[in-house]
Amino acid sequence: MVLDGSAIGGLLQEISGTDMTGAEATCPTCGAAGPVAETAVHLRGPGTVVRCRICSGLLMVISPIRGMNCIDAGGLTAFGLRQDG
């Protein structure tokens, strides 16, 4: 089952201390950019896998390791909150 990025909103907030579902993520495979809330999230497996909704390129993997959530975001070419103004 594929969910949208909102499914990991609480997890990302726990890790970063802020709501990251509105953060822009850019796919290295196809160049698509959009909010984390619009990514494709796969929860089944040893970790949470986040993929590009357009091309299915791997964006990040979040894995619990020794009681900590570790993020491998090596699949992102850009990731951050938008600055208005």
Foldseek 3Di string as FASTA:
>chain_A
DKAFLVVCQVVVCVVPVDRQQQKWFAFPPPGDIGGSRGWIWDPPDQWIWTAHPPPRFTQWTWHQDPNDTDIDRVRTPDIGHDDDD
